[in-house]
Protein backbone atom coordinates (compact mmCIF):
# COMPACT_ATOMS: atom_id res chain seq x y z
CA MET A 1 110.80 94.57 119.91
CA ARG A 2 107.12 95.12 120.26
CA ARG A 3 105.37 98.44 119.87
CA ARG A 4 103.57 98.03 123.18
CA SER A 5 106.77 97.48 125.12
CA LEU A 6 108.26 100.64 123.67
CA LEU A 7 105.23 102.63 124.82
CA ILE A 8 105.49 101.15 128.25
CA ALA A 9 109.25 101.57 128.48
CA VAL A 10 109.09 105.31 127.80
CA PRO A 11 108.70 107.40 130.99
CA ALA A 12 105.71 109.61 131.65
CA GLY A 13 106.37 111.75 128.58
CA LEU A 14 104.90 109.43 126.03
CA ALA A 15 102.10 108.46 128.36
CA THR A 16 101.22 112.14 128.23
CA LEU A 17 101.11 112.06 124.44
CA ALA A 18 99.54 108.66 123.98
CA ALA A 19 95.84 108.32 123.36
CA CYS A 20 93.79 106.67 126.07
CA GLY A 21 92.96 103.52 124.09
CA ASP A 22 95.32 100.62 123.38
CA ASP A 23 93.43 99.03 120.52
CA LYS A 24 95.55 96.77 118.37
CA SER A 25 94.95 94.56 115.39
CA ASP A 26 95.29 90.80 115.67
CA SER A 27 98.63 90.95 113.90
CA ASP A 28 99.91 93.50 116.41
CA LYS A 29 98.76 91.25 119.28
CA ALA A 30 100.47 88.25 117.74
CA SER A 31 103.77 90.07 117.44
CA ASP A 32 103.28 91.45 120.94
CA SER A 33 103.60 88.00 122.49
CA ALA A 34 106.52 86.84 120.35
CA SER A 35 108.92 89.76 120.48
CA PRO A 36 112.46 89.70 121.92
CA SER A 37 111.56 92.27 124.59
CA ALA A 38 113.24 91.42 127.89
CA PRO A 39 111.48 89.21 130.41
CA GLU A 40 111.74 90.07 134.08
CA GLY A 41 115.30 89.49 135.25
CA SER A 42 118.43 89.32 133.12
CA ALA A 43 121.62 87.33 133.05
CA ALA A 44 124.01 88.55 135.72
CA ALA A 45 127.20 88.30 133.65
CA PRO A 46 128.02 88.88 129.99
CA PRO A 47 127.86 85.69 127.89
CA LYS A 48 130.74 84.07 126.12
CA ILE A 49 130.25 84.71 122.43
CA VAL A 50 131.19 81.94 119.96
CA ASP A 51 131.03 81.53 116.19
CA GLY A 52 128.56 78.63 116.09
CA PRO A 53 126.98 76.26 115.47
CA LEU A 54 124.27 78.09 113.50
CA PRO A 55 121.73 76.64 111.07
CA ALA A 56 121.98 77.54 107.39
CA ILE A 57 120.01 80.35 105.78
CA THR A 58 118.59 78.57 102.78
CA ALA A 59 116.62 81.35 101.07
CA GLY A 60 116.17 85.09 101.31
CA THR A 61 119.92 85.55 101.62
CA LYS A 62 120.10 89.24 100.72
CA PHE A 63 119.94 92.06 103.28
CA GLY A 64 116.34 93.08 103.84
CA GLU A 65 114.87 89.88 102.40
CA LYS A 66 112.80 87.57 104.63
CA PRO A 67 115.13 84.66 105.33
CA THR A 68 114.32 80.97 105.47
CA VAL A 69 116.42 79.20 108.09
CA ALA A 70 117.03 75.48 108.36
CA LYS A 71 116.33 73.46 111.51
CA GLY A 72 119.19 73.34 113.95
CA SER A 73 121.38 70.28 113.66
CA GLY A 74 122.44 68.47 116.84
CA ASP A 75 122.68 70.28 120.14
CA PRO A 76 123.07 74.06 120.15
CA SER A 77 125.89 75.77 121.97
CA LYS A 78 125.22 76.73 125.58
CA ASP A 79 127.09 79.95 124.79
CA LEU A 80 125.75 82.80 122.67
CA ALA A 81 126.54 81.97 119.03
CA VAL A 82 126.82 85.04 116.76
CA LYS A 83 127.78 85.41 113.11
CA THR A 84 127.87 88.47 110.84
CA VAL A 85 126.36 87.02 107.70
CA ILE A 86 126.55 90.30 105.76
CA ALA A 87 128.96 92.99 106.96
CA GLY A 88 127.51 96.50 106.69
CA GLY A 89 129.54 99.65 106.29
CA GLY A 90 127.44 102.04 108.38
CA LYS A 91 127.72 103.41 111.90
CA THR A 92 128.77 101.17 114.76
CA VAL A 93 125.97 100.18 117.08
CA ALA A 94 126.60 100.90 120.79
CA GLU A 95 124.86 99.60 123.87
CA ASN A 96 121.79 101.73 124.75
CA ASP A 97 121.36 102.75 121.09
CA PHE A 98 117.98 102.34 119.46
CA VAL A 99 118.31 99.98 116.52
CA VAL A 100 115.88 99.90 113.62
CA ALA A 101 115.86 96.38 112.20
CA HIS A 102 113.96 93.65 110.45
CA TYR A 103 114.17 90.28 112.11
CA LEU A 104 112.99 86.66 112.09
CA GLY A 105 113.00 84.35 115.10
CA GLN A 106 112.50 80.60 115.30
CA VAL A 107 113.09 77.70 117.65
CA TRP A 108 116.34 75.79 117.16
CA SER A 109 114.93 72.26 117.64
CA THR A 110 111.81 72.61 115.48
CA ALA A 111 112.55 75.55 113.08
CA LYS A 112 109.12 76.93 114.10
CA VAL A 113 109.03 80.61 113.27
CA PHE A 114 107.47 82.46 116.22
CA ASP A 115 107.80 85.99 114.89
CA ASN A 116 109.11 88.06 111.99
CA SER A 117 108.83 91.71 111.05
CA TYR A 118 109.23 91.14 107.30
CA ASP A 119 105.64 90.02 106.87
CA ARG A 120 104.45 93.17 108.65
CA LYS A 121 106.42 95.15 106.06
CA SER A 122 107.81 97.56 108.63
CA PRO A 123 110.95 97.40 110.72
CA LEU A 124 110.74 97.87 114.45
CA ALA A 125 112.87 99.90 116.85
CA ILE A 126 114.22 98.67 120.17
CA GLN A 127 116.75 100.00 122.60
CA LEU A 128 119.76 97.83 123.31
CA ALA A 129 119.41 98.42 127.02
CA GLN A 130 119.22 96.02 129.94
CA GLY A 131 115.59 95.41 130.74
CA SER A 132 114.37 96.51 127.29
CA ILE A 133 115.43 93.51 125.22
CA ILE A 134 116.67 89.98 125.81
CA ASP A 135 120.36 89.91 126.67
CA GLY A 136 121.21 87.80 123.62
CA TRP A 137 120.25 90.67 121.32
CA ARG A 138 121.94 93.26 123.52
CA TYR A 139 125.28 91.49 123.42
CA ALA A 140 125.08 90.19 119.86
CA LEU A 141 124.26 93.47 118.15
CA THR A 142 126.51 95.85 120.15
CA GLY A 143 129.56 96.61 118.05
CA LYS A 144 127.96 95.64 114.74
CA LYS A 145 127.61 98.13 111.90
CA THR A 146 124.36 99.28 110.35
CA GLY A 147 123.71 97.56 107.06
CA SER A 148 124.73 94.21 108.59
CA ARG A 149 122.80 90.95 108.72
CA VAL A 150 123.50 89.21 112.01
CA GLN A 151 122.53 85.65 112.86
CA MET A 152 122.49 84.41 116.45
CA ALA A 153 121.53 81.38 118.49
CA VAL A 154 120.36 82.43 121.94
CA PRO A 155 120.24 79.86 124.74
CA PRO A 156 117.61 80.31 127.46
CA THR A 157 120.07 82.02 129.84
CA TRP A 158 120.28 85.00 127.51
CA GLY A 159 116.77 84.68 126.10
CA TYR A 160 113.56 84.17 128.03
CA GLY A 161 115.08 82.13 130.85
CA GLU A 162 113.51 79.12 132.47
CA GLN A 163 110.04 80.61 132.17
CA GLY A 164 110.19 80.77 128.36
CA ASN A 165 107.41 82.60 126.56
CA GLU A 166 104.19 80.57 126.66
CA GLN A 167 102.21 82.84 124.34
CA ALA A 168 104.87 82.50 121.66
CA GLY A 169 105.21 78.74 122.16
CA ILE A 170 108.74 79.09 123.51
CA LYS A 171 109.76 76.63 126.25
CA GLY A 172 112.23 77.41 129.01
CA THR A 173 114.66 74.95 127.44
CA ASP A 174 114.47 76.34 123.89
CA THR A 175 117.46 77.86 122.16
CA LEU A 176 116.24 80.55 119.77
CA VAL A 177 117.64 81.42 116.33
CA PHE A 178 117.38 84.97 115.05
CA VAL A 179 118.32 86.64 111.79
CA VAL A 180 118.49 90.44 112.17
CA ASP A 181 118.97 93.05 109.42
CA VAL A 182 120.25 96.17 111.22
CA GLN A 183 118.99 99.06 109.13
CA ASP A 184 119.94 102.02 111.29
CA ALA A 185 120.90 103.05 114.83
CA PHE A 186 120.22 106.18 116.87
CA ASN A 187 121.17 107.46 120.29
CA ALA A 188 120.07 110.23 122.66
CA LYS A 189 122.07 112.80 120.68
CA SER A 190 120.53 111.96 117.33
CA SER A 191 118.98 114.94 115.52
CA ALA A 192 117.25 115.91 112.31
CA LYS A 193 119.43 116.32 109.24
CA GLY A 194 118.49 118.34 106.22
CA GLY A 195 118.11 121.88 104.96
CA GLU A 196 116.93 124.73 107.18
CA VAL A 197 113.60 126.25 106.23
CA ALA A 198 112.90 129.95 106.74
CA GLN A 199 110.75 130.75 109.76
CA ASP A 200 109.23 134.06 108.57
CA ASN A 201 105.88 134.07 110.32
CA LYS A 202 106.32 136.33 113.40
CA ASP A 203 103.03 135.08 114.83
CA LEU A 204 104.37 131.55 115.17
CA PRO A 205 107.01 130.14 117.55
CA LYS A 206 110.61 130.10 116.35
CA VAL A 207 112.50 126.83 116.83
CA GLY A 208 116.28 126.44 117.10
CA THR A 209 118.06 124.71 114.25
CA ASN A 210 120.94 123.19 116.15
CA THR A 211 121.68 119.50 115.34
CA ASP A 212 124.12 118.72 118.12
CA GLY A 213 121.71 116.50 120.01
CA LYS A 214 120.78 119.24 122.49
CA ALA A 215 117.21 120.37 122.87
CA PRO A 216 116.36 123.12 120.37
CA SER A 217 115.00 126.36 121.76
CA ILE A 218 111.33 127.34 121.28
CA GLU A 219 110.53 131.05 121.32
CA VAL A 220 106.77 131.58 121.66
CA PRO A 221 105.55 134.98 120.44
CA ASP A 222 103.56 137.30 122.68
CA THR A 223 100.44 136.98 120.52
CA ALA A 224 97.22 134.96 120.55
CA PRO A 225 97.72 131.31 119.52
CA PRO A 226 96.45 130.12 116.14
CA LYS A 227 93.02 128.52 116.14
CA LYS A 228 93.98 125.84 113.64
CA LEU A 229 96.74 123.24 113.65
CA VAL A 230 100.17 124.41 112.50
CA SER A 231 102.66 121.90 111.09
CA SER A 232 105.71 123.29 109.31
CA TYR A 233 109.30 122.31 108.57
CA VAL A 234 112.11 123.83 110.57
CA ILE A 235 114.60 121.47 108.98
CA GLU A 236 113.48 119.51 105.93
CA GLY A 237 114.94 116.05 105.53
CA ASP A 238 115.01 113.96 102.41
CA GLY A 239 113.62 110.67 103.76
CA GLU A 240 110.35 108.89 103.10
CA GLU A 241 107.09 110.60 104.00
CA VAL A 242 105.36 109.42 107.14
CA GLY A 243 101.96 107.80 106.67
CA ALA A 244 99.00 108.13 108.99
CA ASP A 245 99.28 104.46 110.01
CA ASN A 246 103.08 104.47 110.55
CA SER A 247 105.06 104.41 113.74
CA VAL A 248 107.96 106.80 114.17
CA LEU A 249 111.16 107.13 116.21
CA VAL A 250 111.58 110.69 117.41
CA GLN A 251 113.20 113.32 119.58
CA TYR A 252 110.76 115.93 120.80
CA LYS A 253 110.20 118.81 123.19
CA GLY A 254 106.87 120.31 124.21
CA VAL A 255 106.07 123.74 125.73
CA LEU A 256 102.88 125.59 126.56
CA TRP A 257 101.95 128.49 124.32
CA ASP A 258 100.90 130.41 127.41
CA GLY A 259 104.22 131.24 129.11
CA GLY A 260 106.43 128.92 127.08
CA LYS A 261 106.94 126.49 129.98
CA GLU A 262 108.40 123.12 129.01
CA PHE A 263 106.22 120.17 130.07
CA ASP A 264 107.81 117.25 128.29
CA SER A 265 111.03 116.38 126.46
CA THR A 266 112.98 113.32 125.30
CA TYR A 267 116.09 115.43 125.59
CA GLY A 268 115.52 115.87 129.29
CA ARG A 269 115.12 112.12 129.76
CA GLY A 270 118.09 111.32 127.54
CA GLN A 271 116.04 108.69 125.70
CA LEU A 272 114.40 108.56 122.29
CA THR A 273 110.81 107.42 121.96
CA SER A 274 108.84 105.41 119.44
CA PHE A 275 105.07 105.29 118.92
CA SER A 276 102.27 104.77 116.42
CA LEU A 277 100.56 107.81 114.99
CA GLN A 278 97.32 106.03 115.75
CA GLN A 279 98.11 106.12 119.45
CA VAL A 280 98.73 109.82 120.03
CA VAL A 281 96.66 112.97 120.22
CA LYS A 282 95.11 114.09 116.93
CA GLY A 283 97.38 117.10 116.58
CA TRP A 284 100.44 114.88 116.54
CA ALA A 285 98.98 112.41 114.13
CA GLN A 286 97.85 115.08 111.70
CA GLY A 287 100.96 117.20 112.16
CA LEU A 288 103.43 114.43 111.34
CA THR A 289 101.52 112.71 108.56
CA GLY A 290 103.11 113.56 105.22
CA LYS A 291 106.32 114.89 106.75
CA LYS A 292 109.69 113.49 105.68
CA VAL A 293 112.03 111.37 107.78
CA GLY A 294 115.08 113.36 108.85
CA SER A 295 113.06 116.51 109.39
CA ARG A 296 112.45 118.81 112.35
CA VAL A 297 108.83 119.89 112.51
CA LEU A 298 107.10 122.65 114.45
CA ILE A 299 103.64 121.58 115.54
CA VAL A 300 101.20 123.98 117.24
CA ILE A 301 98.21 122.09 118.56
CA PRO A 302 94.93 123.88 119.44
CA PRO A 303 93.04 122.45 122.43
CA GLU A 304 90.48 120.51 120.41
CA LEU A 305 93.27 118.52 118.76
CA GLY A 306 95.18 118.14 122.02
CA TYR A 307 93.67 117.55 125.45
CA GLY A 308 90.87 120.15 125.50
CA ASP A 309 89.32 120.30 128.93
CA ASN A 310 90.78 116.96 130.04
CA PRO A 311 94.57 117.32 130.36
CA PRO A 312 96.64 114.45 131.83
CA GLN A 313 96.60 114.35 135.60
CA GLY A 314 99.86 115.44 137.22
CA SER A 315 101.03 117.35 134.13
CA ASP A 316 101.57 121.09 133.81
CA ILE A 317 99.02 121.25 131.06
CA LYS A 318 95.92 123.23 131.99
CA LYS A 319 92.49 122.97 130.44
CA ASP A 320 92.17 124.35 126.89
CA SER A 321 95.93 124.76 126.49
CA THR A 322 97.55 125.32 123.12
CA LEU A 323 100.63 123.06 122.88
CA VAL A 324 103.83 123.73 120.94
CA PHE A 325 106.19 120.95 119.90
CA THR A 326 109.43 120.58 118.04
CA VAL A 327 109.74 117.02 116.68
CA ASP A 328 112.75 115.43 114.99
CA ILE A 329 111.59 112.47 112.89
CA LEU A 330 114.51 110.04 113.04
CA ALA A 331 112.91 106.96 111.47
CA LYS A 332 109.68 105.60 110.05
CA LEU A 333 108.79 102.17 111.39
C-alpha cells in the first residue's frame, strides 16, 4: 500500500523515470512501515473466507469517512473474516487489478491503529497481486465492487506471518482488522476516457486516440524538436486536476524524438504504474501538473528537463535526448 513499494515493484521503466533521490517526509516514512504490502513469502493455499467475527464500526460509518473500530471481542477467527459493510455498484475488482482505496488498519487485541490513509487525505493504489500485497487483502477484495466498504480480520497466516511487522508494532501472533473503501479499480487495459482534442501542430508528434488498452501510436515529425517543454491534451478527461505534490496512477509510453524508437512502456510490461510527481524528472512533473484525471497527455521533454548529459545506464536514451511521452492519467492519489 505504500508509495515506496509501488516504485520498487515497477520494473525498470519507472526506475528510468524516477528521480535519483528518495526523500520522504516523516509521515511518508511512518506509512511506509505500516502498509499492507506483502512480506517475503505468501500463504501457499487460498484461505477459507468466513463472515466473522468482526469488531463493530462505531463512528465514521459512511463510505469515504475515517472509521472508528471497536476492540476485537474474544478470540478472532483463524480463517479470513470478510464482510461487505457497504455494497458498491461499480465495476467488479479482479485479481491483479490496481485498486484505489482509503483504508484503516488496527490490531484486533488492542484496537491500536497502525496506519490509515484518511489522515493523509489521499487514497493509495496497490495491485492485488501475489507478492505485492498481503494475501488477506488479495483474497478479500477480489470480487468486490468499487464503491464498497469492506471490513476484514486478517490472521497472521494471510497477513505478515510469524515475523509480524516490527516497525508498525505488529507481532507475529496479531490478527489485523482493516476497513477498506474501494474507490476505483484499473487493469492493464485501462485507458483515458474523454473527448479527443485536435492535434493541429504539424511540428509536434501525433498520438493515437485509441482507448482499447493497447499502446497508442506516436508519430514523430521529421523536424527539429521544440526547445521548450510541450504538454498538451490528446484526450481531455473531466476528472480532478493533478497537483504538483500528488501521486498518479498511469499508463504511458516513451519514445525518442530522434528516430522515434520506443524505450519504455507500461503497455509492453502489461502493468500500470504509480508514482509521486516529486519523484520523477522535471519534464514529467511540470507536464502533468494541472492536467485532468482521465486524460491522455502528450509530453515532449527537452534534455534539460529530462536526463541531459546523464541518461540512465543501460537505457536506449543518449545524452541530450529529447523525449516524447503519451501518458494516460487514470487516477490521482
